[in-house]
């Protein structure tokens, strides 16, 4: 695709359910970039970024952020809304996950 890892899930009827694509931070929507720059994590380092696409739901951008020895996952919507912060950095995504 773009040189990044991509995982795709289908249900038992072969209908698309979810895709996870690793993207470059430069591919984030402007609204997400602005939210990071103006938010409490502006001084943190952005590591990898995953784009989660679900059937029937908005895209979700999961950013791995680091400050010193602290790692967090920040979940942003496409309009820059930060709606979840976790210290779970395992990259375990699945179609029925709660976001």
Protein backbone atom coordinates (compact mmCIF):
# COMPACT_ATOMS: atom_id res chain seq x y z
CA UNK A 1 0.00 0.00 0.00
CA UNK A 2 2.24 2.81 1.25
CA UNK A 3 5.11 0.68 2.54
CA UNK A 4 3.46 0.30 5.95
CA UNK A 5 1.90 -2.65 7.66
CA UNK A 6 -1.82 -3.21 7.02
CA UNK A 7 -4.16 -5.72 8.69
CA UNK A 8 -7.69 -6.39 7.45
CA UNK A 9 -10.52 -8.24 9.23
CA UNK A 10 -13.52 -9.89 7.60
CA UNK A 11 -16.48 -11.59 9.26
CA UNK A 12 -17.47 -15.21 8.58
CA UNK A 13 -19.56 -14.03 5.63
CA UNK A 14 -16.47 -12.34 4.13
CA UNK A 15 -17.79 -8.80 4.75
CA UNK A 16 -15.14 -6.23 5.58
CA UNK A 17 -15.19 -5.29 9.27
CA UNK A 18 -12.00 -3.42 10.09
CA UNK A 19 -8.61 -2.33 8.75
CA UNK A 20 -5.56 -1.20 10.71
CA UNK A 21 -2.93 0.69 8.71
CA UNK A 22 0.33 1.99 10.08
CA UNK A 23 0.77 5.51 8.70
CA UNK A 24 3.41 8.19 8.91
CA UNK A 25 2.66 11.03 11.36
CA UNK A 26 2.82 13.44 8.40
CA UNK A 27 -0.35 11.76 7.08
CA UNK A 28 -2.46 12.81 10.08
CA UNK A 29 -5.41 15.11 9.36
CA UNK A 30 -4.70 18.79 10.03
CA UNK A 31 -7.30 18.80 12.81
CA UNK A 32 -5.42 16.06 14.69
CA UNK A 33 -2.07 17.81 14.20
CA UNK A 34 -3.58 21.05 15.53
CA UNK A 35 -5.13 19.28 18.53
CA UNK A 36 -1.77 17.76 19.45
CA UNK A 37 0.09 21.05 19.01
CA UNK A 38 -2.41 22.92 21.19
CA UNK A 39 -2.96 20.18 23.77
CA UNK A 40 -1.27 18.88 26.89
CA UNK A 41 0.85 16.41 24.88
CA UNK A 42 2.43 18.99 22.57
CA UNK A 43 5.92 18.39 23.99
CA UNK A 44 5.67 14.61 23.70
CA UNK A 45 7.33 12.63 20.89
CA UNK A 46 5.02 10.99 18.35
CA UNK A 47 6.09 7.44 17.59
CA UNK A 48 4.08 5.16 15.37
CA UNK A 49 0.57 6.02 14.23
CA UNK A 50 -2.17 3.51 13.41
CA UNK A 51 -5.25 4.37 11.40
CA UNK A 52 -8.23 2.24 12.47
CA UNK A 53 -11.07 2.00 9.97
CA UNK A 54 -14.30 0.25 10.93
CA UNK A 55 -17.40 -0.64 8.98
CA UNK A 56 -20.02 1.99 9.79
CA UNK A 57 -17.85 4.13 12.11
CA UNK A 58 -15.53 7.10 11.80
CA UNK A 59 -11.81 6.60 11.44
CA UNK A 60 -9.70 6.53 14.59
CA UNK A 61 -6.07 7.60 14.79
CA UNK A 62 -4.01 5.91 17.51
CA UNK A 63 -0.76 7.72 18.30
CA UNK A 64 2.01 6.19 20.37
CA UNK A 65 3.39 9.06 22.38
CA UNK A 66 6.48 9.16 24.59
CA UNK A 67 7.78 11.58 27.18
CA UNK A 68 10.85 10.41 29.04
CA UNK A 69 10.12 6.82 30.03
CA UNK A 70 6.33 7.21 29.83
CA UNK A 71 4.47 5.73 26.86
CA UNK A 72 0.81 6.37 26.09
CA UNK A 73 -1.66 5.65 23.31
CA UNK A 74 -3.80 8.63 22.36
CA UNK A 75 -7.00 8.00 20.38
CA UNK A 76 -8.15 10.86 18.14
CA UNK A 77 -11.14 11.24 15.85
CA UNK A 78 -10.71 12.80 12.40
CA UNK A 79 -11.82 16.23 13.63
CA UNK A 80 -9.08 16.27 16.28
CA UNK A 81 -11.16 15.14 19.24
CA UNK A 82 -9.07 13.26 21.81
CA UNK A 83 -11.40 10.68 23.31
CA UNK A 84 -9.22 8.01 24.87
CA UNK A 85 -5.83 7.79 26.56
CA UNK A 86 -4.33 4.46 27.61
CA UNK A 87 -1.00 3.22 28.85
CA UNK A 88 -1.62 -0.03 26.98
CA UNK A 89 1.01 -0.04 24.25
CA UNK A 90 0.45 -3.58 23.01
CA UNK A 91 -1.18 -2.61 19.67
CA UNK A 92 -3.96 -5.14 20.18
CA UNK A 93 -6.84 -3.94 18.01
CA UNK A 94 -9.85 -6.01 17.04
CA UNK A 95 -13.21 -5.32 15.39
CA UNK A 96 -15.31 -5.41 18.57
CA UNK A 97 -12.99 -3.32 20.69
CA UNK A 98 -14.34 -0.49 22.82
CA UNK A 99 -12.95 2.86 21.85
